Amino acid sequence: MKKTKWLLLVLGIVLISFEQASAQLSSQHAVGGRFGSATGFTYRYTMAEDRAIEGILSLQSNSKSRRFRLVGLYEFHKPLAENFTWFYGFGGSVGSFRYKALETRTSNPDGSVTITKTDPKSELALSIDGIIGVEYAIPTTPLSVSLDVKPYFDFLQESTIKIIDPLGLTIRYKF
């Protein structure tokens, strides 16, 4: 936890120390893939040179559950250095949370085994999302790479804030 606080403090100081520049987003559209704890597709539409809306369709799965989410974000982009920008934004998501069927085996003292089965069930997933990250526009190509943290507050399943879990690496094609 200490490392996270220091990282956020240093990132904040670095971001504040750079002066404003002109245009940050050079293309109207960008599509790509987002990789991390949740994997999916992303589409970004540039509304102005420093603002964009982004949609992310993501899937996340483990041995006990599977999550599908459609995320919508409103983002602000600021210059950081040559070909680098940083961005932040907010939005929300809707989707489904599916608990997988589980089978638990318990050994009894008499040597028998008790098998407990849990049926699969689905629930609505609903959250408020934020995003902060940095993006590098690769010169002479229509590609960009970004690294971000997308914290969210899940209303229905766990009712907790996820901060570090949704770390993501995105590769986009700009047109």
N, C-alpha and C. Protein backbone atom coordinates (compact mmCIF):
# COMPACT_ATOMS: atom_id res chain seq x y z
N MET A 1 0.83 -1.19 0.00
CA MET A 1 0.00 0.00 0.00
C MET A 1 0.87 1.25 0.00
N LYS A 2 2.01 1.21 0.72
CA LYS A 2 2.91 2.35 0.76
C LYS A 2 3.46 2.67 -0.62
N LYS A 3 3.82 1.62 -1.38
CA LYS A 3 4.35 1.81 -2.73
C LYS A 3 3.31 2.46 -3.63
N THR A 4 2.06 2.09 -3.49
CA THR A 4 0.99 2.66 -4.29
C THR A 4 0.83 4.15 -4.01
N LYS A 5 0.86 4.53 -2.75
CA LYS A 5 0.75 5.95 -2.40
C LYS A 5 1.91 6.75 -2.95
N TRP A 6 3.13 6.21 -2.85
CA TRP A 6 4.31 6.90 -3.38
C TRP A 6 4.22 7.03 -4.89
N LEU A 7 3.78 5.97 -5.56
CA LEU A 7 3.64 6.00 -7.01
C LEU A 7 2.64 7.07 -7.44
N LEU A 8 1.50 7.13 -6.77
CA LEU A 8 0.49 8.15 -7.09
C LEU A 8 1.01 9.56 -6.82
N LEU A 9 1.75 9.76 -5.73
CA LEU A 9 2.32 11.06 -5.41
C LEU A 9 3.32 11.50 -6.47
N VAL A 10 4.24 10.61 -6.84
CA VAL A 10 5.24 10.94 -7.86
C VAL A 10 4.57 11.22 -9.20
N LEU A 11 3.57 10.39 -9.58
CA LEU A 11 2.85 10.62 -10.83
C LEU A 11 2.16 11.98 -10.83
N GLY A 12 1.56 12.34 -9.71
CA GLY A 12 0.90 13.65 -9.60
C GLY A 12 1.87 14.81 -9.74
N ILE A 13 3.02 14.72 -9.10
CA ILE A 13 4.03 15.78 -9.19
C ILE A 13 4.55 15.92 -10.61
N VAL A 14 4.81 14.79 -11.27
CA VAL A 14 5.30 14.83 -12.66
C VAL A 14 4.25 15.45 -13.58
N LEU A 15 3.00 15.07 -13.41
CA LEU A 15 1.94 15.59 -14.27
C LEU A 15 1.72 17.09 -14.08
N ILE A 16 1.83 17.57 -12.87
CA ILE A 16 1.63 18.99 -12.59
C ILE A 16 2.80 19.83 -13.11
N SER A 17 4.00 19.24 -13.17
CA SER A 17 5.18 20.00 -13.55
C SER A 17 5.27 20.32 -15.04
N PHE A 18 4.51 19.65 -15.88
CA PHE A 18 4.57 19.93 -17.32
C PHE A 18 3.59 21.04 -17.67
N GLU A 19 4.00 21.89 -18.63
CA GLU A 19 3.15 22.98 -19.08
C GLU A 19 2.17 22.48 -20.13
N GLN A 20 1.10 23.23 -20.32
CA GLN A 20 0.10 22.88 -21.32
C GLN A 20 0.66 23.09 -22.72
N ALA A 21 0.27 22.23 -23.64
CA ALA A 21 0.62 22.37 -25.05
C ALA A 21 -0.66 22.35 -25.85
N SER A 22 -0.53 22.37 -27.16
CA SER A 22 -1.73 22.38 -27.98
C SER A 22 -2.30 20.99 -28.17
N ALA A 23 -2.65 20.63 -29.37
CA ALA A 23 -3.41 19.41 -29.65
C ALA A 23 -2.78 18.15 -29.06
N GLN A 24 -3.63 17.32 -28.45
CA GLN A 24 -3.15 16.07 -27.88
C GLN A 24 -3.64 14.88 -28.70
N LEU A 25 -4.88 14.87 -29.08
CA LEU A 25 -5.45 13.74 -29.81
C LEU A 25 -5.45 14.08 -31.30
N SER A 26 -4.68 13.31 -32.07
CA SER A 26 -4.49 13.64 -33.48
C SER A 26 -5.45 12.91 -34.41
N SER A 27 -6.24 11.99 -33.92
CA SER A 27 -7.15 11.24 -34.79
C SER A 27 -8.55 11.24 -34.21
N GLN A 28 -9.53 11.11 -35.09
CA GLN A 28 -10.94 11.12 -34.69
C GLN A 28 -11.35 9.79 -34.03
N HIS A 29 -10.84 8.67 -34.55
CA HIS A 29 -11.23 7.35 -34.07
C HIS A 29 -9.99 6.53 -33.69
N ALA A 30 -10.18 5.63 -32.75
CA ALA A 30 -9.11 4.70 -32.38
C ALA A 30 -9.76 3.41 -31.87
N VAL A 31 -9.30 2.27 -32.38
CA VAL A 31 -9.80 0.98 -31.93
C VAL A 31 -8.62 0.13 -31.48
N GLY A 32 -8.87 -0.77 -30.54
CA GLY A 32 -7.77 -1.60 -30.09
C GLY A 32 -8.18 -2.62 -29.07
N GLY A 33 -7.16 -3.21 -28.46
CA GLY A 33 -7.37 -4.22 -27.44
C GLY A 33 -6.81 -3.76 -26.11
N ARG A 34 -7.49 -4.11 -25.04
CA ARG A 34 -7.05 -3.78 -23.68
C ARG A 34 -6.74 -5.08 -22.96
N PHE A 35 -5.55 -5.16 -22.39
CA PHE A 35 -5.08 -6.38 -21.75
C PHE A 35 -4.74 -6.08 -20.29
N GLY A 36 -5.03 -7.01 -19.42
CA GLY A 36 -4.75 -6.84 -18.00
C GLY A 36 -5.59 -7.83 -17.21
N SER A 37 -6.09 -7.40 -16.05
CA SER A 37 -6.93 -8.29 -15.26
C SER A 37 -8.23 -8.61 -15.99
N ALA A 38 -8.70 -7.67 -16.81
CA ALA A 38 -9.83 -7.90 -17.69
C ALA A 38 -9.34 -7.63 -19.12
N THR A 39 -9.72 -8.48 -20.05
CA THR A 39 -9.29 -8.35 -21.43
C THR A 39 -10.49 -7.97 -22.28
N GLY A 40 -10.26 -7.08 -23.27
CA GLY A 40 -11.38 -6.69 -24.10
C GLY A 40 -11.00 -5.80 -25.25
N PHE A 41 -12.03 -5.22 -25.85
CA PHE A 41 -11.89 -4.32 -26.99
C PHE A 41 -12.24 -2.91 -26.56
N THR A 42 -11.61 -1.93 -27.21
CA THR A 42 -11.85 -0.55 -26.88
C THR A 42 -12.05 0.28 -28.15
N TYR A 43 -12.92 1.27 -28.06
CA TYR A 43 -13.14 2.23 -29.14
C TYR A 43 -13.15 3.62 -28.51
N ARG A 44 -12.36 4.53 -29.09
CA ARG A 44 -12.30 5.91 -28.59
C ARG A 44 -12.69 6.86 -29.71
N TYR A 45 -13.60 7.78 -29.39
CA TYR A 45 -14.04 8.81 -30.33
C TYR A 45 -13.60 10.16 -29.78
N THR A 46 -12.83 10.90 -30.58
CA THR A 46 -12.32 12.21 -30.16
C THR A 46 -13.37 13.27 -30.42
N MET A 47 -13.79 13.98 -29.38
CA MET A 47 -14.79 15.05 -29.49
C MET A 47 -14.13 16.41 -29.68
N ALA A 48 -12.97 16.61 -29.09
CA ALA A 48 -12.18 17.84 -29.21
C ALA A 48 -10.72 17.41 -29.06
N GLU A 49 -9.79 18.33 -29.27
CA GLU A 49 -8.38 17.92 -29.20
C GLU A 49 -7.94 17.49 -27.81
N ASP A 50 -8.72 17.78 -26.80
CA ASP A 50 -8.34 17.36 -25.45
C ASP A 50 -9.41 16.54 -24.74
N ARG A 51 -10.47 16.13 -25.45
CA ARG A 51 -11.55 15.35 -24.84
C ARG A 51 -11.99 14.21 -25.75
N ALA A 52 -12.36 13.10 -25.13
CA ALA A 52 -12.81 11.95 -25.90
C ALA A 52 -13.79 11.12 -25.08
N ILE A 53 -14.55 10.30 -25.77
CA ILE A 53 -15.37 9.30 -25.10
C ILE A 53 -14.83 7.93 -25.51
N GLU A 54 -14.85 7.01 -24.57
CA GLU A 54 -14.30 5.68 -24.84
C GLU A 54 -15.27 4.61 -24.36
N GLY A 55 -15.40 3.58 -25.17
CA GLY A 55 -16.18 2.41 -24.81
C GLY A 55 -15.27 1.21 -24.71
N ILE A 56 -15.44 0.42 -23.66
CA ILE A 56 -14.63 -0.78 -23.46
C ILE A 56 -15.58 -1.96 -23.25
N LEU A 57 -15.38 -3.00 -24.03
CA LEU A 57 -16.12 -4.24 -23.87
C LEU A 57 -15.13 -5.23 -23.27
N SER A 58 -15.34 -5.67 -22.03
CA SER A 58 -14.32 -6.49 -21.37
C SER A 58 -14.89 -7.78 -20.78
N LEU A 59 -14.01 -8.76 -20.70
CA LEU A 59 -14.31 -10.05 -20.10
C LEU A 59 -13.26 -10.35 -19.04
N GLN A 60 -13.71 -10.90 -17.93
CA GLN A 60 -12.81 -11.28 -16.85
C GLN A 60 -13.30 -12.61 -16.30
N SER A 61 -12.39 -13.57 -16.10
CA SER A 61 -12.81 -14.89 -15.67
C SER A 61 -11.79 -15.48 -14.71
N ASN A 62 -12.28 -16.25 -13.75
CA ASN A 62 -11.43 -17.05 -12.87
C ASN A 62 -12.15 -18.38 -12.63
N SER A 63 -11.68 -19.17 -11.70
CA SER A 63 -12.26 -20.51 -11.49
C SER A 63 -13.67 -20.48 -10.90
N LYS A 64 -14.05 -19.37 -10.26
CA LYS A 64 -15.36 -19.31 -9.61
C LYS A 64 -16.38 -18.43 -10.32
N SER A 65 -15.92 -17.46 -11.12
CA SER A 65 -16.88 -16.53 -11.72
C SER A 65 -16.38 -16.01 -13.07
N ARG A 66 -17.31 -15.38 -13.79
CA ARG A 66 -17.00 -14.74 -15.06
C ARG A 66 -17.76 -13.42 -15.11
N ARG A 67 -17.09 -12.37 -15.56
CA ARG A 67 -17.70 -11.04 -15.61
C ARG A 67 -17.61 -10.51 -17.04
N PHE A 68 -18.72 -9.97 -17.51
CA PHE A 68 -18.80 -9.29 -18.79
C PHE A 68 -19.23 -7.86 -18.51
N ARG A 69 -18.50 -6.87 -19.05
CA ARG A 69 -18.85 -5.48 -18.78
C ARG A 69 -18.76 -4.63 -20.04
N LEU A 70 -19.67 -3.69 -20.15
CA LEU A 70 -19.63 -2.66 -21.18
C LEU A 70 -19.42 -1.35 -20.43
N VAL A 71 -18.25 -0.73 -20.63
CA VAL A 71 -17.84 0.46 -19.89
C VAL A 71 -17.91 1.68 -20.81
N GLY A 72 -18.43 2.78 -20.32
CA GLY A 72 -18.43 4.06 -21.04
C GLY A 72 -17.68 5.09 -20.21
N LEU A 73 -16.71 5.80 -20.83
CA LEU A 73 -15.89 6.77 -20.11
C LEU A 73 -15.83 8.10 -20.86
N TYR A 74 -15.83 9.19 -20.13
CA TYR A 74 -15.60 10.54 -20.66
C TYR A 74 -14.20 10.92 -20.19
N GLU A 75 -13.27 11.22 -21.14
CA GLU A 75 -11.87 11.41 -20.80
C GLU A 75 -11.35 12.80 -21.18
N PHE A 76 -10.39 13.26 -20.38
CA PHE A 76 -9.65 14.49 -20.63
C PHE A 76 -8.20 14.12 -20.90
N HIS A 77 -7.63 14.63 -22.00
CA HIS A 77 -6.25 14.30 -22.39
C HIS A 77 -5.39 15.56 -22.28
N LYS A 78 -4.22 15.42 -21.67
CA LYS A 78 -3.29 16.53 -21.46
C LYS A 78 -1.90 16.12 -21.95
N PRO A 79 -1.14 17.07 -22.51
CA PRO A 79 0.22 16.74 -22.97
C PRO A 79 1.15 16.47 -21.79
N LEU A 80 2.09 15.58 -22.02
CA LEU A 80 3.05 15.23 -20.99
C LEU A 80 4.46 15.51 -21.50
N ALA A 81 4.79 15.01 -22.67
CA ALA A 81 6.09 15.20 -23.32
C ALA A 81 5.87 14.90 -24.80
N GLU A 82 6.92 14.95 -25.57
CA GLU A 82 6.81 14.65 -27.00
C GLU A 82 6.21 13.26 -27.20
N ASN A 83 5.10 13.18 -27.91
CA ASN A 83 4.37 11.94 -28.22
C ASN A 83 3.74 11.27 -27.00
N PHE A 84 3.84 11.88 -25.82
CA PHE A 84 3.22 11.33 -24.62
C PHE A 84 2.09 12.25 -24.16
N THR A 85 0.97 11.64 -23.76
CA THR A 85 -0.10 12.39 -23.11
C THR A 85 -0.51 11.62 -21.87
N TRP A 86 -1.14 12.30 -20.95
CA TRP A 86 -1.74 11.62 -19.82
C TRP A 86 -3.22 11.92 -19.88
N PHE A 87 -4.02 11.07 -19.32
CA PHE A 87 -5.46 11.24 -19.40
C PHE A 87 -6.12 10.77 -18.12
N TYR A 88 -7.30 11.30 -17.90
CA TYR A 88 -8.12 10.90 -16.75
C TYR A 88 -9.57 11.03 -17.17
N GLY A 89 -10.44 10.35 -16.48
CA GLY A 89 -11.85 10.43 -16.83
C GLY A 89 -12.72 9.66 -15.86
N PHE A 90 -14.01 9.64 -16.20
CA PHE A 90 -15.00 8.99 -15.35
C PHE A 90 -16.11 8.43 -16.22
N GLY A 91 -16.89 7.54 -15.64
CA GLY A 91 -18.00 6.95 -16.37
C GLY A 91 -18.65 5.86 -15.55
N GLY A 92 -19.17 4.87 -16.25
CA GLY A 92 -19.85 3.78 -15.58
C GLY A 92 -19.87 2.54 -16.45
N SER A 93 -20.37 1.45 -15.86
CA SER A 93 -20.45 0.22 -16.62
C SER A 93 -21.69 -0.58 -16.23
N VAL A 94 -22.09 -1.42 -17.16
CA VAL A 94 -23.19 -2.35 -16.94
C VAL A 94 -22.77 -3.68 -17.57
N GLY A 95 -23.23 -4.76 -16.99
CA GLY A 95 -22.86 -6.06 -17.53
C GLY A 95 -23.46 -7.18 -16.72
N SER A 96 -22.83 -8.34 -16.79
CA SER A 96 -23.33 -9.49 -16.04
C SER A 96 -22.19 -10.13 -15.26
N PHE A 97 -22.54 -10.68 -14.13
CA PHE A 97 -21.61 -11.39 -13.26
C PHE A 97 -22.17 -12.80 -13.11
N ARG A 98 -21.43 -13.80 -13.56
CA ARG A 98 -21.92 -15.18 -13.53
C ARG A 98 -21.04 -16.02 -12.61
N TYR A 99 -21.67 -16.62 -11.61
CA TYR A 99 -21.00 -17.58 -10.74
C TYR A 99 -21.03 -18.93 -11.43
N LYS A 100 -19.88 -19.57 -11.56
CA LYS A 100 -19.80 -20.87 -12.22
C LYS A 100 -20.27 -21.97 -11.28
N ALA A 101 -20.70 -23.10 -11.87
CA ALA A 101 -21.09 -24.27 -11.07
C ALA A 101 -19.85 -24.81 -10.37
N LEU A 102 -19.98 -25.09 -9.08
CA LEU A 102 -18.85 -25.61 -8.29
C LEU A 102 -19.22 -26.94 -7.66
N GLU A 103 -18.21 -27.78 -7.51
CA GLU A 103 -18.39 -29.05 -6.82
C GLU A 103 -17.33 -29.14 -5.73
N THR A 104 -17.76 -29.26 -4.49
CA THR A 104 -16.86 -29.33 -3.35
C THR A 104 -16.92 -30.72 -2.74
N ARG A 105 -15.75 -31.31 -2.52
CA ARG A 105 -15.67 -32.64 -1.91
C ARG A 105 -15.10 -32.50 -0.50
N THR A 106 -15.81 -33.10 0.47
CA THR A 106 -15.38 -33.05 1.86
C THR A 106 -15.24 -34.48 2.39
N SER A 107 -14.09 -34.75 2.99
CA SER A 107 -13.85 -36.08 3.59
C SER A 107 -14.44 -36.11 4.99
N ASN A 108 -15.19 -37.14 5.26
CA ASN A 108 -15.81 -37.32 6.58
C ASN A 108 -14.93 -38.21 7.45
N PRO A 109 -15.09 -38.16 8.79
CA PRO A 109 -14.28 -38.99 9.70
C PRO A 109 -14.46 -40.50 9.47
N ASP A 110 -15.63 -40.90 8.97
CA ASP A 110 -15.88 -42.33 8.75
C ASP A 110 -15.30 -42.83 7.42
N GLY A 111 -14.63 -41.96 6.66
CA GLY A 111 -14.00 -42.35 5.41
C GLY A 111 -14.84 -42.06 4.18
N SER A 112 -16.08 -41.67 4.36
CA SER A 112 -16.93 -41.34 3.20
C SER A 112 -16.62 -39.91 2.72
N VAL A 113 -17.09 -39.62 1.53
CA VAL A 113 -16.87 -38.31 0.93
C VAL A 113 -18.22 -37.67 0.65
N THR A 114 -18.39 -36.42 1.09
CA THR A 114 -19.61 -35.67 0.83
C THR A 114 -19.35 -34.71 -0.34
N ILE A 115 -20.22 -34.75 -1.33
CA ILE A 115 -20.09 -33.88 -2.49
C ILE A 115 -21.18 -32.83 -2.44
N THR A 116 -20.78 -31.56 -2.47
CA THR A 116 -21.72 -30.44 -2.46
C THR A 116 -21.62 -29.73 -3.80
N LYS A 117 -22.75 -29.59 -4.48
CA LYS A 117 -22.77 -28.92 -5.78
C LYS A 117 -23.49 -27.59 -5.65
N THR A 118 -22.91 -26.58 -6.30
CA THR A 118 -23.52 -25.26 -6.35
C THR A 118 -23.92 -24.99 -7.79
N ASP A 119 -25.15 -24.61 -8.01
CA ASP A 119 -25.63 -24.31 -9.37
C ASP A 119 -25.10 -22.96 -9.84
N PRO A 120 -24.91 -22.82 -11.14
CA PRO A 120 -24.49 -21.51 -11.65
C PRO A 120 -25.62 -20.50 -11.52
N LYS A 121 -25.24 -19.24 -11.34
CA LYS A 121 -26.26 -18.19 -11.30
C LYS A 121 -25.66 -16.90 -11.85
N SER A 122 -26.50 -16.05 -12.39
CA SER A 122 -26.07 -14.79 -12.98
C SER A 122 -26.71 -13.63 -12.26
N GLU A 123 -25.97 -12.51 -12.22
CA GLU A 123 -26.47 -11.28 -11.62
C GLU A 123 -26.10 -10.11 -12.50
N LEU A 124 -26.80 -9.03 -12.32
CA LEU A 124 -26.50 -7.78 -13.01
C LEU A 124 -25.24 -7.16 -12.40
N ALA A 125 -24.35 -6.66 -13.23
CA ALA A 125 -23.15 -5.95 -12.74
C ALA A 125 -23.33 -4.47 -13.08
N LEU A 126 -23.14 -3.60 -12.10
CA LEU A 126 -23.34 -2.17 -12.26
C LEU A 126 -22.29 -1.44 -11.45
N SER A 127 -21.56 -0.49 -12.08
CA SER A 127 -20.49 0.19 -11.35
C SER A 127 -20.27 1.61 -11.85
N ILE A 128 -19.59 2.39 -11.01
CA ILE A 128 -19.08 3.72 -11.38
C ILE A 128 -17.59 3.52 -11.61
N ASP A 129 -17.08 4.04 -12.74
CA ASP A 129 -15.70 3.81 -13.12
C ASP A 129 -14.93 5.11 -13.25
N GLY A 130 -13.64 5.04 -13.03
CA GLY A 130 -12.72 6.14 -13.29
C GLY A 130 -11.55 5.60 -14.09
N ILE A 131 -10.72 6.48 -14.62
CA ILE A 131 -9.54 6.04 -15.35
C ILE A 131 -8.46 7.11 -15.27
N ILE A 132 -7.22 6.69 -15.16
CA ILE A 132 -6.07 7.60 -15.24
C ILE A 132 -4.93 6.80 -15.85
N GLY A 133 -4.21 7.44 -16.79
CA GLY A 133 -3.13 6.72 -17.44
C GLY A 133 -2.27 7.62 -18.31
N VAL A 134 -1.31 6.99 -18.99
CA VAL A 134 -0.43 7.68 -19.93
C VAL A 134 -0.51 6.95 -21.27
N GLU A 135 -0.36 7.73 -22.35
CA GLU A 135 -0.41 7.16 -23.70
C GLU A 135 0.78 7.64 -24.51
N TYR A 136 1.35 6.74 -25.28
CA TYR A 136 2.47 7.06 -26.17
C TYR A 136 2.00 6.85 -27.60
N ALA A 137 2.05 7.91 -28.40
CA ALA A 137 1.71 7.83 -29.82
C ALA A 137 3.00 7.51 -30.57
N ILE A 138 3.06 6.34 -31.20
CA ILE A 138 4.27 5.91 -31.89
C ILE A 138 4.43 6.77 -33.16
N PRO A 139 5.56 7.50 -33.28
CA PRO A 139 5.76 8.38 -34.44
C PRO A 139 5.79 7.58 -35.74
N THR A 140 5.31 8.17 -36.80
CA THR A 140 5.27 7.63 -38.17
C THR A 140 4.40 6.39 -38.32
N THR A 141 3.63 6.03 -37.32
CA THR A 141 2.67 4.94 -37.44
C THR A 141 1.33 5.39 -36.85
N PRO A 142 0.25 4.77 -37.24
CA PRO A 142 -1.05 5.13 -36.65
C PRO A 142 -1.36 4.35 -35.38
N LEU A 143 -0.33 3.97 -34.63
CA LEU A 143 -0.52 3.17 -33.42
C LEU A 143 -0.19 3.97 -32.16
N SER A 144 -0.85 3.61 -31.08
CA SER A 144 -0.52 4.17 -29.78
C SER A 144 -0.60 3.06 -28.73
N VAL A 145 0.14 3.25 -27.65
CA VAL A 145 0.17 2.30 -26.54
C VAL A 145 -0.11 3.08 -25.27
N SER A 146 -0.98 2.57 -24.43
CA SER A 146 -1.27 3.26 -23.18
C SER A 146 -1.27 2.28 -22.01
N LEU A 147 -0.95 2.81 -20.86
CA LEU A 147 -0.97 2.07 -19.60
C LEU A 147 -1.85 2.86 -18.65
N ASP A 148 -2.84 2.18 -18.06
CA ASP A 148 -3.78 2.91 -17.21
C ASP A 148 -4.21 2.08 -16.01
N VAL A 149 -4.77 2.79 -15.06
CA VAL A 149 -5.44 2.18 -13.91
C VAL A 149 -6.89 2.63 -14.00
N LYS A 150 -7.81 1.67 -13.92
CA LYS A 150 -9.22 1.97 -14.06
C LYS A 150 -9.97 1.50 -12.81
N PRO A 151 -9.92 2.29 -11.75
CA PRO A 151 -10.64 1.88 -10.53
C PRO A 151 -12.15 1.95 -10.75
N TYR A 152 -12.86 1.11 -10.01
CA TYR A 152 -14.32 1.15 -10.11
C TYR A 152 -14.95 0.77 -8.77
N PHE A 153 -16.18 1.22 -8.59
CA PHE A 153 -16.96 0.87 -7.42
C PHE A 153 -18.11 0.00 -7.90
N ASP A 154 -18.12 -1.25 -7.49
CA ASP A 154 -19.13 -2.21 -7.89
C ASP A 154 -20.30 -2.14 -6.91
N PHE A 155 -21.49 -1.86 -7.40
CA PHE A 155 -22.66 -1.70 -6.54
C PHE A 155 -23.25 -3.02 -6.03
N LEU A 156 -23.26 -4.05 -6.86
CA LEU A 156 -24.09 -5.20 -6.56
C LEU A 156 -23.36 -6.42 -6.00
N GLN A 157 -22.20 -6.81 -6.52
CA GLN A 157 -21.58 -8.05 -6.09
C GLN A 157 -20.86 -7.91 -4.75
N GLU A 158 -19.84 -7.08 -4.71
CA GLU A 158 -19.03 -6.99 -3.51
C GLU A 158 -19.13 -5.64 -2.81
N SER A 159 -19.70 -4.65 -3.48
CA SER A 159 -19.84 -3.30 -2.96
C SER A 159 -18.53 -2.77 -2.39
N THR A 160 -17.46 -2.91 -3.19
CA THR A 160 -16.15 -2.43 -2.78
C THR A 160 -15.52 -1.65 -3.93
N ILE A 161 -14.52 -0.87 -3.58
CA ILE A 161 -13.77 -0.13 -4.58
C ILE A 161 -12.57 -0.97 -5.00
N LYS A 162 -12.41 -1.18 -6.30
CA LYS A 162 -11.26 -1.90 -6.84
C LYS A 162 -10.31 -0.86 -7.41
N ILE A 163 -9.10 -0.76 -6.87
CA ILE A 163 -8.16 0.27 -7.31
C ILE A 163 -7.05 -0.30 -8.17
N ILE A 164 -6.32 -1.26 -7.71
CA ILE A 164 -5.15 -1.76 -8.43
C ILE A 164 -5.52 -2.93 -9.35
N ASP A 165 -6.54 -3.69 -9.04
CA ASP A 165 -6.93 -4.86 -9.83
C ASP A 165 -7.13 -4.54 -11.31
N PRO A 166 -7.78 -3.43 -11.69
CA PRO A 166 -8.05 -3.19 -13.10
C PRO A 166 -6.93 -2.45 -13.85
N LEU A 167 -5.69 -2.86 -13.68
CA LEU A 167 -4.56 -2.30 -14.41
C LEU A 167 -4.64 -2.78 -15.85
N GLY A 168 -4.38 -1.89 -16.82
CA GLY A 168 -4.52 -2.30 -18.20
C GLY A 168 -3.47 -1.72 -19.13
N LEU A 169 -3.15 -2.49 -20.16
CA LEU A 169 -2.27 -2.08 -21.26
C LEU A 169 -3.12 -2.11 -22.51
N THR A 170 -3.19 -0.98 -23.22
CA THR A 170 -4.02 -0.87 -24.42
C THR A 170 -3.17 -0.55 -25.63
N ILE A 171 -3.42 -1.24 -26.73
CA ILE A 171 -2.78 -0.97 -28.01
C ILE A 171 -3.88 -0.56 -28.97
N ARG A 172 -3.76 0.64 -29.57
CA ARG A 172 -4.80 1.18 -30.43
C ARG A 172 -4.29 1.48 -31.83
N TYR A 173 -5.19 1.32 -32.81
CA TYR A 173 -4.97 1.76 -34.18
C TYR A 173 -5.81 3.03 -34.36
N LYS A 174 -5.16 4.13 -34.74
CA LYS A 174 -5.83 5.43 -34.88
C LYS A 174 -6.13 5.70 -36.34
N PHE A 175 -7.35 6.20 -36.62
CA PHE A 175 -7.71 6.57 -37.98
C PHE A 175 -8.64 7.75 -38.00
